[in-house]
Amino acid sequence: MTLSNEQKKAYRAIGHRLNPIVTVAGNGLSEGVMDELNRALDDHELIKVKLAVGDREIKKAVIAEMVKACSAQLVQQIGNTALLLRRNPKANPKLSNLS
C-alpha cells in the first residue's frame, strides 16, 4: 500500500513533534535493534528512527532493509532521521501517535 501525498503530509505533521525512539548505530540492524523497532512500531505505529551509520548510501541501504524487515512504510527521510509507519489495528490508543 502506497501513501498519497495528503497522507504523507499528515504523517509528516504528526512526526514533526516526535523524538527518535530507536537509534541505529555502528552495529547496524542487530537482532536487539530489530526487536525494539518492531515493538515501537506495534505500540506507536508512527516512529522516528535516528541513523548514525555513515554516508548516504549506507543510510539508504539500512533504511531499505528496515522497511523490508519490519513491513513498514517510509514516510520521510531527512538527514540522519527516518519516519516509519506501520498501522496496527490493535494498538493501544494511549501509546499510538496516530490516535
Protein backbone atom coordinates (compact mmCIF):
# COMPACT_ATOMS: atom_id res chain seq x y z
CA MET A 1 0.00 0.00 0.00
CA THR A 2 1.45 3.34 -1.02
CA LEU A 3 0.68 6.58 0.74
CA SER A 4 -0.93 9.51 -1.03
CA ASN A 5 0.66 12.93 -0.82
CA GLU A 6 -2.09 14.08 1.55
CA GLN A 7 -1.45 11.12 3.87
CA LYS A 8 2.31 11.72 3.82
CA LYS A 9 1.76 15.38 4.64
CA ALA A 10 -0.47 14.48 7.61
CA TYR A 11 2.02 11.89 8.91
CA ARG A 12 4.93 14.32 8.50
CA ALA A 13 3.00 16.90 10.54
CA ILE A 14 2.50 14.35 13.33
CA GLY A 15 6.11 13.17 13.04
CA HIS A 16 7.48 16.69 13.34
CA ARG A 17 6.84 16.77 17.08
CA LEU A 18 8.14 13.24 17.74
CA ASN A 19 11.54 12.38 19.15
CA PRO A 20 13.53 9.44 17.77
CA ILE A 21 12.63 6.22 19.59
CA VAL A 22 15.20 3.87 18.06
CA THR A 23 18.82 4.62 17.15
CA VAL A 24 20.73 2.56 14.62
CA ALA A 25 24.46 2.99 15.14
CA GLY A 26 27.72 1.28 14.19
CA ASN A 27 26.48 -2.28 14.74
CA GLY A 28 23.72 -1.76 12.17
CA LEU A 29 20.47 -3.69 12.36
CA SER A 30 21.28 -6.18 15.08
CA GLU A 31 18.66 -8.52 16.49
CA GLY A 32 18.14 -6.25 19.51
CA VAL A 33 17.60 -3.19 17.33
CA MET A 34 15.10 -5.08 15.16
CA ASP A 35 13.21 -6.29 18.25
CA GLU A 36 13.00 -2.74 19.61
CA LEU A 37 11.97 -1.41 16.20
CA ASN A 38 9.13 -3.94 15.92
CA ARG A 39 7.98 -3.22 19.48
CA ALA A 40 7.99 0.53 18.85
CA LEU A 41 6.04 0.16 15.61
CA ASP A 42 3.49 -2.10 17.32
CA ASP A 43 3.00 0.37 20.16
CA HIS A 44 3.30 3.75 18.42
CA GLU A 45 2.59 2.98 14.72
CA LEU A 46 4.46 6.12 13.58
CA ILE A 47 8.04 6.47 14.82
CA LYS A 48 11.24 8.35 14.16
CA VAL A 49 14.48 6.40 13.82
CA LYS A 50 17.88 8.05 14.16
CA LEU A 51 20.67 6.68 11.98
CA ALA A 52 24.36 7.04 12.81
CA VAL A 53 25.79 4.58 10.31
CA GLY A 54 27.90 6.53 7.83
CA ASP A 55 27.39 8.08 4.43
CA ARG A 56 24.22 8.46 2.36
CA GLU A 57 24.43 5.17 0.51
CA ILE A 58 24.82 3.17 3.72
CA LYS A 59 21.88 5.08 5.29
CA LYS A 60 19.69 4.36 2.27
CA ALA A 61 20.59 0.66 2.41
CA VAL A 62 19.88 0.46 6.17
CA ILE A 63 16.53 2.23 5.76
CA ALA A 64 15.54 -0.07 2.89
CA GLU A 65 16.46 -3.10 4.99
CA MET A 66 14.49 -1.76 7.99
CA VAL A 67 11.40 -1.10 5.89
CA LYS A 68 11.53 -4.55 4.32
CA ALA A 69 12.27 -6.46 7.54
CA CYS A 70 9.56 -4.67 9.56
CA SER A 71 6.92 -4.46 6.82
CA ALA A 72 6.79 -0.72 7.43
CA GLN A 73 6.50 2.25 5.12
CA LEU A 74 8.96 5.08 4.82
CA VAL A 75 7.07 8.35 5.18
CA GLN A 76 10.09 10.65 5.11
CA GLN A 77 13.86 10.64 5.42
CA ILE A 78 15.75 13.81 6.23
CA GLY A 79 19.43 13.68 7.06
CA ASN A 80 20.02 11.12 9.80
CA THR A 81 16.33 10.67 10.67
CA ALA A 82 13.69 8.43 9.11
CA LEU A 83 9.96 8.48 9.79
CA LEU A 84 8.41 5.00 9.60
CA LEU A 85 4.78 3.92 9.61
CA ARG A 86 3.19 0.53 10.26
CA ARG A 87 -0.53 0.53 11.02
CA ASN A 88 -1.64 -1.68 13.91
CA PRO A 89 -5.41 -2.06 14.37
CA LYS A 90 -4.84 -3.41 17.90
CA ALA A 91 -2.57 -0.55 19.02
CA ASN A 92 -3.13 0.92 22.47
CA PRO A 93 -4.71 4.36 21.90
CA LYS A 94 -2.72 5.76 24.83
CA LEU A 95 0.58 4.83 23.15
CA SER A 96 -0.26 5.34 19.48
CA ASN A 97 0.97 8.51 17.81
CA LEU A 98 -1.94 8.32 15.35
CA SER A 99 -4.84 8.34 17.81
